Amino acid sequence: MSGRTIVTRTMPGRPRPTQAQGPLVWTFDGAFGACLADMEDAFRRALVQIGDVARIAVLIELSLPALQTRMQAGDAIQPAWSQFLDAMRSRYGLPAVPRIRYLKTPAALVTLVIAYRS
């Protein structure tokens, strides 16, 4: 988020400030359960940071090659994954669980993207 203010003119002499906003992005790598806990914490902190918004969109990108590596290292996916998704919806008032995009390319295990409009 850049934090700069853009002033647009709607009527002569009456500026209307609008906030230039970009998505908030975090990446998480490591043990799957720790990534989920860190991701929920980052989401909670982001909600506090952005405050009251008109709309919010949440995307989680999950790298399948990184997930496979974590599973081979002995990480368990369930029940932590379904509990995390339920918590995101119920604790934070989201109308539905976040959109999940599964990546087939090597990347960080999980990426959290939050876009919002004030």
PDB file of N, CA and C in Angstrom:
ATOM      1  N   MET A   1       0.843  -1.154   0.000  1.00  0.00           N
ATOM      2  CA  MET A   1       0.000   0.000   0.000  1.00  0.00           C
ATOM      3  C   MET A   1       0.890   1.218   0.000  1.00  0.00           C
ATOM      4  N   SER A   2       0.676   2.123  -0.931  1.00  0.00           N
ATOM      5  CA  SER A   2       1.574   3.260  -1.091  1.00  0.00           C
ATOM      6  C   SER A   2       1.302   4.361  -0.093  1.00  0.00           C
ATOM      7  N   GLY A   3       0.068   4.548   0.321  1.00  0.00           N
ATOM      8  CA  GLY A   3      -0.255   5.564   1.293  1.00  0.00           C
ATOM      9  C   GLY A   3      -0.337   6.970   0.716  1.00  0.00           C
ATOM     10  N   ARG A   4      -0.180   7.152  -0.576  1.00  0.00           N
ATOM     11  CA  ARG A   4      -0.258   8.502  -1.126  1.00  0.00           C
ATOM     12  C   ARG A   4      -1.711   8.834  -1.442  1.00  0.00           C
ATOM     13  N   THR A   5      -2.018  10.091  -1.424  1.00  0.00           N
ATOM     14  CA  THR A   5      -3.375  10.556  -1.688  1.00  0.00           C
ATOM     15  C   THR A   5      -3.427  11.205  -3.052  1.00  0.00           C
ATOM     16  N   ILE A   6      -4.438  10.851  -3.824  1.00  0.00           N
ATOM     17  CA  ILE A   6      -4.654  11.421  -5.146  1.00  0.00           C
ATOM     18  C   ILE A   6      -5.878  12.317  -5.050  1.00  0.00           C
ATOM     19  N   VAL A   7      -5.805  13.496  -5.575  1.00  0.00           N
ATOM     20  CA  VAL A   7      -6.936  14.408  -5.559  1.00  0.00           C
ATOM     21  C   VAL A   7      -7.490  14.499  -6.966  1.00  0.00           C
ATOM     22  N   THR A   8      -8.765  14.164  -7.097  1.00  0.00           N
ATOM     23  CA  THR A   8      -9.432  14.288  -8.392  1.00  0.00           C
ATOM     24  C   THR A   8     -10.462  15.399  -8.282  1.00  0.00           C
ATOM     25  N   ARG A   9     -10.736  16.050  -9.380  1.00  0.00           N
ATOM     26  CA  ARG A   9     -11.700  17.155  -9.384  1.00  0.00           C
ATOM     27  C   ARG A   9     -13.030  16.646  -9.936  1.00  0.00           C
ATOM     28  N   THR A  10     -14.075  16.806  -9.123  1.00  0.00           N
ATOM     29  CA  THR A  10     -15.402  16.421  -9.593  1.00  0.00           C
ATOM     30  C   THR A  10     -16.219  17.647  -9.980  1.00  0.00           C
ATOM     31  N   MET A  11     -16.013  18.740  -9.241  1.00  0.00           N
ATOM     32  CA  MET A  11     -16.661  20.013  -9.548  1.00  0.00           C
ATOM     33  C   MET A  11     -15.596  21.083  -9.377  1.00  0.00           C
ATOM     34  N   PRO A  12     -15.664  22.163 -10.123  1.00  0.00           N
ATOM     35  CA  PRO A  12     -14.646  23.198  -9.967  1.00  0.00           C
ATOM     36  C   PRO A  12     -14.529  23.646  -8.509  1.00  0.00           C
ATOM     37  N   GLY A  13     -13.297  23.597  -7.988  1.00  0.00           N
ATOM     38  CA  GLY A  13     -13.025  24.058  -6.642  1.00  0.00           C
ATOM     39  C   GLY A  13     -13.380  23.080  -5.532  1.00  0.00           C
ATOM     40  N   ARG A  14     -13.849  21.870  -5.866  1.00  0.00           N
ATOM     41  CA  ARG A  14     -14.216  20.906  -4.835  1.00  0.00           C
ATOM     42  C   ARG A  14     -13.431  19.610  -5.031  1.00  0.00           C
ATOM     43  N   PRO A  15     -12.212  19.510  -4.481  1.00  0.00           N
ATOM     44  CA  PRO A  15     -11.445  18.281  -4.636  1.00  0.00           C
ATOM     45  C   PRO A  15     -12.027  17.150  -3.796  1.00  0.00           C
ATOM     46  N   ARG A  16     -11.939  15.948  -4.315  1.00  0.00           N
ATOM     47  CA  ARG A  16     -12.380  14.762  -3.597  1.00  0.00           C
ATOM     48  C   ARG A  16     -11.184  13.830  -3.451  1.00  0.00           C
ATOM     49  N   PRO A  17     -10.644  13.658  -2.234  1.00  0.00           N
ATOM     50  CA  PRO A  17      -9.491  12.779  -2.080  1.00  0.00           C
ATOM     51  C   PRO A  17      -9.907  11.319  -2.198  1.00  0.00           C
ATOM     52  N   THR A  18      -9.064  10.555  -2.850  1.00  0.00           N
ATOM     53  CA  THR A  18      -9.249   9.103  -2.898  1.00  0.00           C
ATOM     54  C   THR A  18      -7.921   8.470  -2.543  1.00  0.00           C
ATOM     55  N   GLN A  19      -7.973   7.350  -1.894  1.00  0.00           N
ATOM     56  CA  GLN A  19      -6.766   6.666  -1.452  1.00  0.00           C
ATOM     57  C   GLN A  19      -6.287   5.717  -2.553  1.00  0.00           C
ATOM     58  N   ALA A  20      -5.051   5.860  -2.963  1.00  0.00           N
ATOM     59  CA  ALA A  20      -4.475   4.923  -3.929  1.00  0.00           C
ATOM     60  C   ALA A  20      -4.207   3.623  -3.189  1.00  0.00           C
ATOM     61  N   GLN A  21      -4.807   2.533  -3.649  1.00  0.00           N
ATOM     62  CA  GLN A  21      -4.716   1.271  -2.938  1.00  0.00           C
ATOM     63  C   GLN A  21      -4.213   0.177  -3.857  1.00  0.00           C
ATOM     64  N   GLY A  22      -3.358  -0.630  -3.325  1.00  0.00           N
ATOM     65  CA  GLY A  22      -2.908  -1.812  -4.022  1.00  0.00           C
ATOM     66  C   GLY A  22      -3.169  -2.999  -3.124  1.00  0.00           C
ATOM     67  N   PRO A  23      -3.066  -4.191  -3.636  1.00  0.00           N
ATOM     68  CA  PRO A  23      -3.314  -5.347  -2.776  1.00  0.00           C
ATOM     69  C   PRO A  23      -2.207  -5.504  -1.730  1.00  0.00           C
ATOM     70  N   LEU A  24      -2.565  -6.071  -0.607  1.00  0.00           N
ATOM     71  CA  LEU A  24      -1.602  -6.433   0.428  1.00  0.00           C
ATOM     72  C   LEU A  24      -1.211  -7.883   0.177  1.00  0.00           C
ATOM     73  N   VAL A  25       0.089  -8.166   0.175  1.00  0.00           N
ATOM     74  CA  VAL A  25       0.570  -9.507  -0.185  1.00  0.00           C
ATOM     75  C   VAL A  25       1.588  -9.985   0.847  1.00  0.00           C
ATOM     76  N   TRP A  26       1.405 -11.214   1.318  1.00  0.00           N
ATOM     77  CA  TRP A  26       2.365 -11.859   2.212  1.00  0.00           C
ATOM     78  C   TRP A  26       2.651 -13.255   1.670  1.00  0.00           C
ATOM     79  N   THR A  27       3.882 -13.719   1.860  1.00  0.00           N
ATOM     80  CA  THR A  27       4.232 -15.095   1.515  1.00  0.00           C
ATOM     81  C   THR A  27       4.667 -15.818   2.782  1.00  0.00           C
ATOM     82  N   PHE A  28       4.369 -17.094   2.832  1.00  0.00           N
ATOM     83  CA  PHE A  28       4.692 -17.922   3.991  1.00  0.00           C
ATOM     84  C   PHE A  28       5.333 -19.206   3.500  1.00  0.00           C
ATOM     85  N   ASP A  29       6.373 -19.617   4.173  1.00  0.00           N
ATOM     86  CA  ASP A  29       7.074 -20.840   3.814  1.00  0.00           C
ATOM     87  C   ASP A  29       7.517 -21.517   5.093  1.00  0.00           C
ATOM     88  N   GLY A  30       7.480 -22.817   5.129  1.00  0.00           N
ATOM     89  CA  GLY A  30       7.872 -23.547   6.326  1.00  0.00           C
ATOM     90  C   GLY A  30       6.849 -24.622   6.629  1.00  0.00           C
ATOM     91  N   ALA A  31       6.753 -24.984   7.885  1.00  0.00           N
ATOM     92  CA  ALA A  31       5.788 -26.012   8.300  1.00  0.00           C
ATOM     93  C   ALA A  31       4.371 -25.529   7.985  1.00  0.00           C
ATOM     94  N   PHE A  32       3.546 -26.432   7.476  1.00  0.00           N
ATOM     95  CA  PHE A  32       2.216 -26.062   7.003  1.00  0.00           C
ATOM     96  C   PHE A  32       1.363 -25.459   8.116  1.00  0.00           C
ATOM     97  N   GLY A  33       1.328 -26.082   9.277  1.00  0.00           N
ATOM     98  CA  GLY A  33       0.534 -25.574  10.387  1.00  0.00           C
ATOM     99  C   GLY A  33       0.986 -24.198  10.837  1.00  0.00           C
ATOM    100  N   ALA A  34       2.292 -23.974  10.870  1.00  0.00           N
ATOM    101  CA  ALA A  34       2.828 -22.661  11.254  1.00  0.00           C
ATOM    102  C   ALA A  34       2.463 -21.607  10.216  1.00  0.00           C
ATOM    103  N   CYS A  35       2.491 -21.981   8.940  1.00  0.00           N
ATOM    104  CA  CYS A  35       2.108 -21.041   7.880  1.00  0.00           C
ATOM    105  C   CYS A  35       0.645 -20.627   8.018  1.00  0.00           C
ATOM    106  N   LEU A  36      -0.219 -21.586   8.358  1.00  0.00           N
ATOM    107  CA  LEU A  36      -1.632 -21.267   8.521  1.00  0.00           C
ATOM    108  C   LEU A  36      -1.846 -20.327   9.701  1.00  0.00           C
ATOM    109  N   ALA A  37      -1.163 -20.581  10.804  1.00  0.00           N
ATOM    110  CA  ALA A  37      -1.290 -19.711  11.978  1.00  0.00           C
ATOM    111  C   ALA A  37      -0.760 -18.313  11.667  1.00  0.00           C
ATOM    112  N   ASP A  38       0.376 -18.239  10.991  1.00  0.00           N
ATOM    113  CA  ASP A  38       0.949 -16.944  10.629  1.00  0.00           C
ATOM    114  C   ASP A  38       0.054 -16.197   9.636  1.00  0.00           C
ATOM    115  N   MET A  39      -0.561 -16.954   8.720  1.00  0.00           N
ATOM    116  CA  MET A  39      -1.429 -16.337   7.726  1.00  0.00           C
ATOM    117  C   MET A  39      -2.684 -15.760   8.398  1.00  0.00           C
ATOM    118  N   GLU A  40      -3.260 -16.483   9.341  1.00  0.00           N
ATOM    119  CA  GLU A  40      -4.424 -15.952  10.049  1.00  0.00           C
ATOM    120  C   GLU A  40      -4.046 -14.704  10.843  1.00  0.00           C
ATOM    121  N   ASP A  41      -2.872 -14.715  11.461  1.00  0.00           N
ATOM    122  CA  ASP A  41      -2.411 -13.554  12.211  1.00  0.00           C
ATOM    123  C   ASP A  41      -2.207 -12.352  11.281  1.00  0.00           C
ATOM    124  N   ALA A  42      -1.612 -12.574  10.119  1.00  0.00           N
ATOM    125  CA  ALA A  42      -1.404 -11.495   9.149  1.00  0.00           C
ATOM    126  C   ALA A  42      -2.740 -10.943   8.667  1.00  0.00           C
ATOM    127  N   PHE A  43      -3.702 -11.825   8.443  1.00  0.00           N
ATOM    128  CA  PHE A  43      -5.026 -11.384   8.000  1.00  0.00           C
ATOM    129  C   PHE A  43      -5.686 -10.526   9.073  1.00  0.00           C
ATOM    130  N   ARG A  44      -5.628 -10.967  10.315  1.00  0.00           N
ATOM    131  CA  ARG A  44      -6.215 -10.211  11.424  1.00  0.00           C
ATOM    132  C   ARG A  44      -5.576  -8.831  11.532  1.00  0.00           C
ATOM    133  N   ARG A  45      -4.256  -8.776  11.426  1.00  0.00           N
ATOM    134  CA  ARG A  45      -3.548  -7.492  11.490  1.00  0.00           C
ATOM    135  C   ARG A  45      -3.900  -6.595  10.301  1.00  0.00           C
ATOM    136  N   ALA A  46      -4.083  -7.191   9.135  1.00  0.00           N
ATOM    137  CA  ALA A  46      -4.457  -6.409   7.950  1.00  0.00           C
ATOM    138  C   ALA A  46      -5.833  -5.783   8.134  1.00  0.00           C
ATOM    139  N   LEU A  47      -6.766  -6.530   8.720  1.00  0.00           N
ATOM    140  CA  LEU A  47      -8.094  -5.983   8.959  1.00  0.00           C
ATOM    141  C   LEU A  47      -8.030  -4.771   9.874  1.00  0.00           C
ATOM    142  N   VAL A  48      -7.177  -4.840  10.881  1.00  0.00           N
ATOM    143  CA  VAL A  48      -7.009  -3.705  11.782  1.00  0.00           C
ATOM    144  C   VAL A  48      -6.385  -2.536  11.027  1.00  0.00           C
ATOM    145  N   GLN A  49      -5.407  -2.825  10.187  1.00  0.00           N
ATOM    146  CA  GLN A  49      -4.704  -1.775   9.442  1.00  0.00           C
ATOM    147  C   GLN A  49      -5.616  -1.052   8.462  1.00  0.00           C
ATOM    148  N   ILE A  50      -6.417  -1.796   7.707  1.00  0.00           N
ATOM    149  CA  ILE A  50      -7.225  -1.160   6.675  1.00  0.00           C
ATOM    150  C   ILE A  50      -8.524  -0.584   7.224  1.00  0.00           C
ATOM    151  N   GLY A  51      -8.971  -1.053   8.373  1.00  0.00           N
ATOM    152  CA  GLY A  51     -10.169  -0.492   8.991  1.00  0.00           C
ATOM    153  C   GLY A  51     -11.433  -0.848   8.248  1.00  0.00           C
ATOM    154  N   ASP A  52     -12.377   0.082   8.239  1.00  0.00           N
ATOM    155  CA  ASP A  52     -13.686  -0.133   7.631  1.00  0.00           C
ATOM    156  C   ASP A  52     -13.573  -0.003   6.113  1.00  0.00           C
ATOM    157  N   VAL A  53     -13.970  -1.038   5.404  1.00  0.00           N
ATOM    158  CA  VAL A  53     -13.905  -1.028   3.944  1.00  0.00           C
ATOM    159  C   VAL A  53     -15.254  -1.435   3.367  1.00  0.00           C
ATOM    160  N   ALA A  54     -15.497  -1.005   2.133  1.00  0.00           N
ATOM    161  CA  ALA A  54     -16.746  -1.343   1.458  1.00  0.00           C
ATOM    162  C   ALA A  54     -16.725  -2.792   0.954  1.00  0.00           C
ATOM    163  N   ARG A  55     -15.585  -3.211   0.419  1.00  0.00           N
ATOM    164  CA  ARG A  55     -15.460  -4.574  -0.121  1.00  0.00           C
ATOM    165  C   ARG A  55     -14.072  -5.082   0.156  1.00  0.00           C
ATOM    166  N   ILE A  56     -13.974  -6.388   0.354  1.00  0.00           N
ATOM    167  CA  ILE A  56     -12.674  -7.018   0.551  1.00  0.00           C
ATOM    168  C   ILE A  56     -12.670  -8.337  -0.211  1.00  0.00           C
ATOM    169  N   ALA A  57     -11.553  -8.618  -0.867  1.00  0.00           N
ATOM    170  CA  ALA A  57     -11.376  -9.886  -1.578  1.00  0.00           C
ATOM    171  C   ALA A  57     -10.110 -10.537  -1.041  1.00  0.00           C
ATOM    172  N   VAL A  58     -10.211 -11.824  -0.757  1.00  0.00           N
ATOM    173  CA  VAL A  58      -9.084 -12.561  -0.194  1.00  0.00           C
ATOM    174  C   VAL A  58      -8.758 -13.729  -1.118  1.00  0.00           C
ATOM    175  N   LEU A  59      -7.492 -13.816  -1.487  1.00  0.00           N
ATOM    176  CA  LEU A  59      -7.007 -14.896  -2.340  1.00  0.00           C
ATOM    177  C   LEU A  59      -5.860 -15.582  -1.627  1.00  0.00           C
ATOM    178  N   ILE A  60      -5.878 -16.901  -1.646  1.00  0.00           N
ATOM    179  CA  ILE A  60      -4.769 -17.691  -1.109  1.00  0.00           C
ATOM    180  C   ILE A  60      -4.206 -18.521  -2.258  1.00  0.00           C
ATOM    181  N   GLU A  61      -2.920 -18.350  -2.512  1.00  0.00           N
ATOM    182  CA  GLU A  61      -2.245 -19.169  -3.512  1.00  0.00           C
ATOM    183  C   GLU A  61      -1.456 -20.243  -2.781  1.00  0.00           C
ATOM    184  N   LEU A  62      -1.669 -21.482  -3.175  1.00  0.00           N
ATOM    185  CA  LEU A  62      -1.011 -22.620  -2.549  1.00  0.00           C
ATOM    186  C   LEU A  62      -0.157 -23.318  -3.593  1.00  0.00           C
ATOM    187  N   SER A  63       1.157 -23.352  -3.374  1.00  0.00           N
ATOM    188  CA  SER A  63       2.072 -23.988  -4.324  1.00  0.00           C
ATOM    189  C   SER A  63       2.043 -25.500  -4.102  1.00  0.00           C
ATOM    190  N   LEU A  64       1.558 -26.238  -5.101  1.00  0.00           N
ATOM    191  CA  LEU A  64       1.472 -27.691  -4.966  1.00  0.00           C
ATOM    192  C   LEU A  64       2.843 -28.362  -4.856  1.00  0.00           C
ATOM    193  N   PRO A  65       3.875 -27.921  -5.620  1.00  0.00           N
ATOM    194  CA  PRO A  65       5.195 -28.527  -5.419  1.00  0.00           C
ATOM    195  C   PRO A  65       5.733 -28.290  -4.002  1.00  0.00           C
ATOM    196  N   ALA A  66       5.543 -27.100  -3.459  1.00  0.00           N
ATOM    197  CA  ALA A  66       6.002 -26.824  -2.088  1.00  0.00           C
ATOM    198  C   ALA A  66       5.190 -27.635  -1.088  1.00  0.00           C
ATOM    199  N   LEU A  67       3.891 -27.788  -1.340  1.00  0.00           N
ATOM    200  CA  LEU A  67       3.044 -28.587  -0.457  1.00  0.00           C
ATOM    201  C   LEU A  67       3.468 -30.048  -0.476  1.00  0.00           C
ATOM    202  N   GLN A  68       3.788 -30.551  -1.646  1.00  0.00           N
ATOM    203  CA  GLN A  68       4.247 -31.934  -1.757  1.00  0.00           C
ATOM    204  C   GLN A  68       5.543 -32.134  -0.960  1.00  0.00           C
ATOM    205  N   THR A  69       6.445 -31.174  -1.037  1.00  0.00           N
ATOM    206  CA  THR A  69       7.686 -31.237  -0.269  1.00  0.00           C
ATOM    207  C   THR A  69       7.389 -31.262   1.223  1.00  0.00           C
ATOM    208  N   ARG A  70       6.454 -30.429   1.669  1.00  0.00           N
ATOM    209  CA  ARG A  70       6.087 -30.384   3.095  1.00  0.00           C
ATOM    210  C   ARG A  70       5.456 -31.695   3.528  1.00  0.00           C
ATOM    211  N   MET A  71       4.632 -32.295   2.662  1.00  0.00           N
ATOM    212  CA  MET A  71       4.002 -33.577   2.998  1.00  0.00           C
ATOM    213  C   MET A  71       5.047 -34.683   3.088  1.00  0.00           C
ATOM    214  N   GLN A  72       6.026 -34.649   2.186  1.00  0.00           N
ATOM    215  CA  GLN A  72       7.098 -35.644   2.238  1.00  0.00           C
ATOM    216  C   GLN A  72       7.953 -35.475   3.491  1.00  0.00           C
ATOM    217  N   ALA A  73       7.992 -34.259   4.021  1.00  0.00           N
ATOM    218  CA  ALA A  73       8.723 -33.991   5.263  1.00  0.00           C
ATOM    219  C   ALA A  73       7.909 -34.385   6.490  1.00  0.00           C
ATOM    220  N   GLY A  74       6.651 -34.810   6.289  1.00  0.00           N
ATOM    221  CA  GLY A  74       5.842 -35.290   7.392  1.00  0.00           C
ATOM    222  C   GLY A  74       4.764 -34.344   7.876  1.00  0.00           C
ATOM    223  N   ASP A  75       4.571 -33.215   7.217  1.00  0.00           N
ATOM    224  CA  ASP A  75       3.510 -32.289   7.622  1.00  0.00           C
ATOM    225  C   ASP A  75       2.137 -32.894   7.320  1.00  0.00           C
ATOM    226  N   ALA A  76       1.202 -32.681   8.230  1.00  0.00           N
ATOM    227  CA  ALA A  76      -0.181 -33.099   8.023  1.00  0.00           C
ATOM    228  C   ALA A  76      -0.971 -31.908   7.488  1.00  0.00           C
ATOM    229  N   ILE A  77      -1.864 -32.172   6.556  1.00  0.00           N
ATOM    230  CA  ILE A  77      -2.664 -31.116   5.953  1.00  0.00           C
ATOM    231  C   ILE A  77      -4.000 -30.971   6.698  1.00  0.00           C
ATOM    232  N   GLN A  78      -4.622 -32.072   6.972  1.00  0.00           N
ATOM    233  CA  GLN A  78      -5.901 -32.071   7.687  1.00  0.00           C
ATOM    234  C   GLN A  78      -5.657 -32.458   9.139  1.00  0.00           C
ATOM    235  N   PRO A  79      -6.371 -31.948  10.071  1.00  0.00           N
ATOM    236  CA  PRO A  79      -7.545 -31.095   9.983  1.00  0.00           C
ATOM    237  C   PRO A  79      -7.229 -29.600   9.953  1.00  0.00           C
ATOM    238  N   ALA A  80      -5.934 -29.239   9.998  1.00  0.00           N
ATOM    239  CA  ALA A  80      -5.556 -27.819  10.104  1.00  0.00           C
ATOM    240  C   ALA A  80      -6.093 -26.985   8.942  1.00  0.00           C
ATOM    241  N   TRP A  81      -6.076 -27.510   7.720  1.00  0.00           N
ATOM    242  CA  TRP A  81      -6.512 -26.749   6.547  1.00  0.00           C
ATOM    243  C   TRP A  81      -7.995 -26.421   6.628  1.00  0.00           C
ATOM    244  N   SER A  82      -8.845 -27.408   6.906  1.00  0.00           N
ATOM    245  CA  SER A  82     -10.282 -27.137   6.968  1.00  0.00           C
ATOM    246  C   SER A  82     -10.618 -26.254   8.168  1.00  0.00           C
ATOM    247  N   GLN A  83      -9.921 -26.417   9.286  1.00  0.00           N
ATOM    248  CA  GLN A  83     -10.151 -25.546  10.444  1.00  0.00           C
ATOM    249  C   GLN A  83      -9.760 -24.111  10.128  1.00  0.00           C
ATOM    250  N   PHE A  84      -8.661 -23.932   9.401  1.00  0.00           N
ATOM    251  CA  PHE A  84      -8.229 -22.594   9.003  1.00  0.00           C
ATOM    252  C   PHE A  84      -9.272 -21.926   8.124  1.00  0.00           C
ATOM    253  N   LEU A  85      -9.764 -22.634   7.110  1.00  0.00           N
ATOM    254  CA  LEU A  85     -10.761 -22.058   6.198  1.00  0.00           C
ATOM    255  C   LEU A  85     -12.052 -21.717   6.941  1.00  0.00           C
ATOM    256  N   ASP A  86     -12.488 -22.592   7.839  1.00  0.00           N
ATOM    257  CA  ASP A  86     -13.687 -22.296   8.631  1.00  0.00           C
ATOM    258  C   ASP A  86     -13.476 -21.068   9.511  1.00  0.00           C
ATOM    259  N   ALA A  87     -12.290 -20.952  10.108  1.00  0.00           N
ATOM    260  CA  ALA A  87     -11.989 -19.809  10.973  1.00  0.00           C
ATOM    261  C   ALA A  87     -11.971 -18.509  10.170  1.00  0.00           C
ATOM    262  N   MET A  88     -11.424 -18.535   8.969  1.00  0.00           N
ATOM    263  CA  MET A  88     -11.379 -17.333   8.134  1.00  0.00           C
ATOM    264  C   MET A  88     -12.796 -16.825   7.845  1.00  0.00           C
ATOM    265  N   ARG A  89     -13.707 -17.748   7.618  1.00  0.00           N
ATOM    266  CA  ARG A  89     -15.075 -17.353   7.314  1.00  0.00           C
ATOM    267  C   ARG A  89     -15.833 -16.941   8.575  1.00  0.00           C
ATOM    268  N   SER A  90     -15.786 -17.735   9.604  1.00  0.00           N
ATOM    269  CA  SER A  90     -16.629 -17.486  10.769  1.00  0.00           C
ATOM    270  C   SER A  90     -16.084 -16.397  11.701  1.00  0.00           C
ATOM    271  N   ARG A  91     -14.793 -16.368  11.958  1.00  0.00           N
ATOM    272  CA  ARG A  91     -14.223 -15.395  12.896  1.00  0.00           C
ATOM    273  C   ARG A  91     -14.179 -13.980  12.354  1.00  0.00           C
ATOM    274  N   TYR A  92     -13.999 -13.862  11.044  1.00  0.00           N
ATOM    275  CA  TYR A  92     -13.749 -12.542  10.472  1.00  0.00           C
ATOM    276  C   TYR A  92     -14.888 -12.013   9.623  1.00  0.00           C
ATOM    277  N   GLY A  93     -16.008 -12.699   9.601  1.00  0.00           N
ATOM    278  CA  GLY A  93     -17.196 -12.193   8.926  1.00  0.00           C
ATOM    279  C   GLY A  93     -17.145 -12.225   7.413  1.00  0.00           C
ATOM    280  N   LEU A  94     -16.282 -13.035   6.843  1.00  0.00           N
ATOM    281  CA  LEU A  94     -16.265 -13.153   5.380  1.00  0.00           C
ATOM    282  C   LEU A  94     -17.518 -13.896   4.931  1.00  0.00           C
ATOM    283  N   PRO A  95     -18.120 -13.495   3.827  1.00  0.00           N
ATOM    284  CA  PRO A  95     -19.339 -14.158   3.372  1.00  0.00           C
ATOM    285  C   PRO A  95     -19.096 -15.590   2.895  1.00  0.00           C
ATOM    286  N   ALA A  96     -17.867 -15.892   2.512  1.00  0.00           N
ATOM    287  CA  ALA A  96     -17.508 -17.236   2.049  1.00  0.00           C
ATOM    288  C   ALA A  96     -16.025 -17.443   2.352  1.00  0.00           C
ATOM    289  N   VAL A  97     -15.590 -18.678   2.222  1.00  0.00           N
ATOM    290  CA  VAL A  97     -14.170 -18.938   2.431  1.00  0.00           C
ATOM    291  C   VAL A  97     -13.375 -18.218   1.343  1.00  0.00           C
ATOM    292  N   PRO A  98     -12.114 -17.868   1.617  1.00  0.00           N
ATOM    293  CA  PRO A  98     -11.297 -17.183   0.602  1.00  0.00           C
ATOM    294  C   PRO A  98     -11.147 -18.028  -0.660  1.00  0.00           C
ATOM    295  N   ARG A  99     -10.928 -17.352  -1.759  1.00  0.00           N
ATOM    296  CA  ARG A  99     -10.658 -18.043  -3.026  1.00  0.00           C
ATOM    297  C   ARG A  99      -9.280 -18.682  -2.929  1.00  0.00           C
ATOM    298  N   ILE A 100      -9.178 -19.927  -3.365  1.00  0.00           N
ATOM    299  CA  ILE A 100      -7.909 -20.657  -3.326  1.00  0.00           C
ATOM    300  C   ILE A 100      -7.460 -20.897  -4.759  1.00  0.00           C
ATOM    301  N   ARG A 101      -6.200 -20.555  -5.042  1.00  0.00           N
ATOM    302  CA  ARG A 101      -5.624 -20.833  -6.358  1.00  0.00           C
ATOM    303  C   ARG A 101      -4.441 -21.763  -6.140  1.00  0.00           C
ATOM    304  N   TYR A 102      -4.475 -22.900  -6.797  1.00  0.00           N
ATOM    305  CA  TYR A 102      -3.422 -23.899  -6.657  1.00  0.00           C
ATOM    306  C   TYR A 102      -2.401 -23.700  -7.774  1.00  0.00           C
ATOM    307  N   LEU A 103      -1.166 -23.434  -7.388  1.00  0.00           N
ATOM    308  CA  LEU A 103      -0.097 -23.207  -8.355  1.00  0.00           C
ATOM    309  C   LEU A 103       0.650 -24.509  -8.618  1.00  0.00           C
ATOM    310  N   LYS A 104       0.970 -24.754  -9.865  1.00  0.00           N
ATOM    311  CA  LYS A 104       1.733 -25.941 -10.227  1.00  0.00           C
ATOM    312  C   LYS A 104       3.215 -25.634 -10.370  1.00  0.00           C
ATOM    313  N   THR A 105       3.592 -24.400 -10.079  1.00  0.00           N
ATOM    314  CA  THR A 105       4.987 -23.977 -10.182  1.00  0.00           C
ATOM    315  C   THR A 105       5.599 -23.870  -8.792  1.00  0.00           C
ATOM    316  N   PRO A 106       6.903 -24.098  -8.678  1.00  0.00           N
ATOM    317  CA  PRO A 106       7.557 -23.932  -7.377  1.00  0.00           C
ATOM    318  C   PRO A 106       7.490 -22.468  -6.930  1.00  0.00           C
ATOM    319  N   ALA A 107       7.116 -22.265  -5.697  1.00  0.00           N
ATOM    320  CA  ALA A 107       7.010 -20.926  -5.108  1.00  0.00           C
ATOM    321  C   ALA A 107       6.992 -21.091  -3.599  1.00  0.00           C
ATOM    322  N   ALA A 108       6.790 -19.989  -2.888  1.00  0.00           N
ATOM    323  CA  ALA A 108       6.583 -20.090  -1.447  1.00  0.00           C
ATOM    324  C   ALA A 108       5.348 -20.962  -1.222  1.00  0.00           C
ATOM    325  N   LEU A 109       5.305 -21.634  -0.093  1.00  0.00           N
ATOM    326  CA  LEU A 109       4.205 -22.560   0.173  1.00  0.00           C
ATOM    327  C   LEU A 109       2.851 -21.877   0.043  1.00  0.00           C
ATOM    328  N   VAL A 110       2.671 -20.736   0.701  1.00  0.00           N
ATOM    329  CA  VAL A 110       1.387 -20.052   0.701  1.00  0.00           C
ATOM    330  C   VAL A 110       1.610 -18.544   0.482  1.00  0.00           C
ATOM    331  N   THR A 111       0.759 -17.955  -0.343  1.00  0.00           N
ATOM    332  CA  THR A 111       0.737 -16.514  -0.534  1.00  0.00           C
ATOM    333  C   THR A 111      -0.662 -16.024  -0.218  1.00  0.00           C
ATOM    334  N   LEU A 112      -0.736 -14.987   0.609  1.00  0.00           N
ATOM    335  CA  LEU A 112      -2.017 -14.376   0.979  1.00  0.00           C
ATOM    336  C   LEU A 112      -2.102 -13.020   0.298  1.00  0.00           C
ATOM    337  N   VAL A 113      -3.190 -12.799  -0.436  1.00  0.00           N
ATOM    338  CA  VAL A 113      -3.399 -11.538  -1.140  1.00  0.00           C
ATOM    339  C   VAL A 113      -4.740 -10.974  -0.680  1.00  0.00           C
ATOM    340  N   ILE A 114      -4.709  -9.707  -0.223  1.00  0.00           N
ATOM    341  CA  ILE A 114      -5.930  -9.032   0.210  1.00  0.00           C
ATOM    342  C   ILE A 114      -6.091  -7.771  -0.623  1.00  0.00           C
ATOM    343  N   ALA A 115      -7.219  -7.669  -1.310  1.00  0.00           N
ATOM    344  CA  ALA A 115      -7.551  -6.453  -2.058  1.00  0.00           C
ATOM    345  C   ALA A 115      -8.814  -5.885  -1.434  1.00  0.00           C
ATOM    346  N   TYR A 116      -8.877  -4.572  -1.373  1.00  0.00           N
ATOM    347  CA  TYR A 116     -10.038  -3.943  -0.739  1.00  0.00           C
ATOM    348  C   TYR A 116     -10.348  -2.615  -1.386  1.00  0.00           C
ATOM    349  N   ARG A 117     -11.588  -2.182  -1.172  1.00  0.00           N
ATOM    350  CA  ARG A 117     -12.044  -0.885  -1.653  1.00  0.00           C
ATOM    351  C   ARG A 117     -12.726  -0.180  -0.500  1.00  0.00           C
ATOM    352  N   SER A 118     -12.319   1.056  -0.272  1.00  0.00           N
ATOM    353  CA  SER A 118     -12.916   1.842   0.819  1.00  0.00           C
ATOM    354  C   SER A 118     -14.226   2.444   0.393  1.00  0.00           C
TER     355      SER A 118
END
